[in-house]
Amino acid sequence: MLPPLLQPVVVRVRIVHQDGTPVYRARLIAKDMNANLGLTFFDATANADGWADIRLYADQEYFLIAETPGEREPPCGGPVRFVAKDGMILNALTLDKSMSDCRQGEPQ
């Protein structure tokens, strides 16, 4: 018997610098916490206003970070753990950490 089909959803996230300005072309990276699905990595790129729509699957738990395209330091925001729901808008991610700080607790 096959497991139920996964339902695609879109989650919105805004990525900002510490001064509140948007991060153009910031990259969002989400890892599925349920590794046995084989779908472990998702990404999206922020627009000029710092908004990114990342396509995930409903009712799945994710680990999310944002990273800078290299224009300023610090390079990372997050991590955020959440269960994806359609139409979800997460709180803004502020680039205020080192990559090693963001990756603490990351699923392997």
Protein backbone atom coordinates (compact mmCIF):
# COMPACT_ATOMS: atom_id res chain seq x y z
CA MET A 1 0.00 0.00 0.00
CA LEU A 2 1.36 3.40 -0.97
CA PRO A 3 1.42 6.35 1.43
CA PRO A 4 -1.02 9.22 0.67
CA LEU A 5 0.04 11.66 -2.04
CA LEU A 6 1.85 14.79 -0.88
CA GLN A 7 -0.03 18.05 -1.46
CA PRO A 8 2.12 20.90 -2.89
CA VAL A 9 1.86 24.26 -1.08
CA VAL A 10 3.53 27.67 -1.30
CA VAL A 11 5.09 29.29 1.77
CA ARG A 12 6.11 32.99 1.63
CA VAL A 13 9.14 34.35 3.43
CA ARG A 14 10.74 37.81 3.47
CA ILE A 15 14.50 38.08 3.93
CA VAL A 16 15.97 41.30 5.33
CA HIS A 17 19.31 42.73 6.43
CA GLN A 18 19.76 43.78 10.06
CA ASP A 19 18.72 47.33 9.13
CA GLY A 20 15.42 46.02 7.73
CA THR A 21 16.25 46.50 4.05
CA PRO A 22 15.27 43.63 1.73
CA VAL A 23 17.88 41.15 0.52
CA TYR A 24 17.65 40.87 -3.25
CA ARG A 25 18.42 37.39 -4.56
CA ALA A 26 18.75 35.87 -1.08
CA ARG A 27 18.48 32.12 -1.25
CA LEU A 28 16.08 30.11 0.90
CA ILE A 29 17.00 26.52 1.62
CA ALA A 30 14.51 24.12 3.21
CA LYS A 31 15.23 20.57 4.27
CA ASP A 32 12.44 18.08 4.85
CA MET A 33 12.70 16.70 8.39
CA ASN A 34 11.14 13.40 7.24
CA ALA A 35 14.17 12.06 5.38
CA ASN A 36 12.53 8.75 4.46
CA LEU A 37 10.47 10.56 1.79
CA GLY A 38 13.59 11.09 -0.29
CA LEU A 39 12.59 14.74 -0.86
CA THR A 40 15.08 16.48 1.36
CA PHE A 41 16.09 19.75 -0.32
CA PHE A 42 14.04 22.70 -1.61
CA ASP A 43 15.13 26.22 -2.51
CA ALA A 44 13.86 29.58 -3.75
CA THR A 45 15.34 33.01 -4.55
CA ALA A 46 14.07 36.31 -3.15
CA ASN A 47 12.85 39.09 -5.43
CA ALA A 48 13.92 42.76 -5.23
CA ASP A 49 11.58 43.30 -2.25
CA GLY A 50 13.15 40.40 -0.34
CA TRP A 51 10.13 38.08 -0.77
CA ALA A 52 10.48 34.46 -1.80
CA ASP A 53 7.82 31.85 -2.45
CA ILE A 54 9.11 28.38 -1.70
CA ARG A 55 7.18 25.34 -2.91
CA LEU A 56 6.96 22.61 -0.29
CA TYR A 57 4.52 19.89 0.79
CA ALA A 58 1.62 20.33 3.21
CA ASP A 59 1.87 18.94 6.72
CA GLN A 60 5.59 18.16 6.39
CA GLU A 61 8.11 19.57 8.87
CA TYR A 62 10.95 21.67 7.42
CA PHE A 63 14.20 23.26 8.57
CA LEU A 64 14.66 26.60 6.76
CA ILE A 65 17.57 29.02 6.46
CA ALA A 66 18.23 32.04 4.27
CA GLU A 67 21.63 32.93 2.92
CA THR A 68 22.98 36.04 1.28
CA PRO A 69 24.19 36.16 -2.30
CA GLY A 70 27.44 37.61 -0.95
CA GLU A 71 26.73 41.33 -0.96
CA ARG A 72 26.93 41.85 2.84
CA GLU A 73 27.75 40.06 6.06
CA PRO A 74 26.50 38.31 8.12
CA PRO A 75 25.50 35.79 5.51
CA CYS A 76 22.67 33.83 7.11
CA GLY A 77 19.22 34.01 8.73
CA GLY A 78 17.34 31.34 10.62
CA PRO A 79 17.02 28.53 11.29
CA VAL A 80 13.26 28.15 11.41
CA ARG A 81 11.49 24.84 11.95
CA PHE A 82 7.86 24.69 10.88
CA VAL A 83 5.13 22.50 9.44
CA ALA A 84 4.13 23.74 5.99
CA LYS A 85 0.57 24.91 5.30
CA ASP A 86 -0.78 26.40 2.10
CA GLY A 87 -0.74 30.19 2.10
CA MET A 88 1.57 30.31 5.13
CA ILE A 89 3.63 33.50 5.57
CA LEU A 90 6.58 33.12 7.91
CA ASN A 91 8.03 35.95 9.98
CA ALA A 92 10.85 37.82 8.25
CA LEU A 93 14.25 36.14 8.35
CA THR A 94 16.99 38.59 9.29
CA LEU A 95 20.51 37.91 8.06
CA ASP A 96 22.18 38.14 11.46
CA LYS A 97 24.21 34.94 11.89
CA SER A 98 27.19 33.05 10.58
CA MET A 99 26.53 29.98 8.45
CA SER A 100 27.67 27.68 11.26
CA ASP A 101 25.14 29.33 13.63
CA CYS A 102 22.33 28.84 11.09
CA ARG A 103 23.18 25.21 10.49
CA GLN A 104 23.08 24.19 14.16
CA GLY A 105 20.40 21.58 14.60
CA GLU A 106 20.21 20.98 10.86
CA PRO A 107 18.94 17.52 9.93
CA GLN A 108 21.56 15.20 8.46
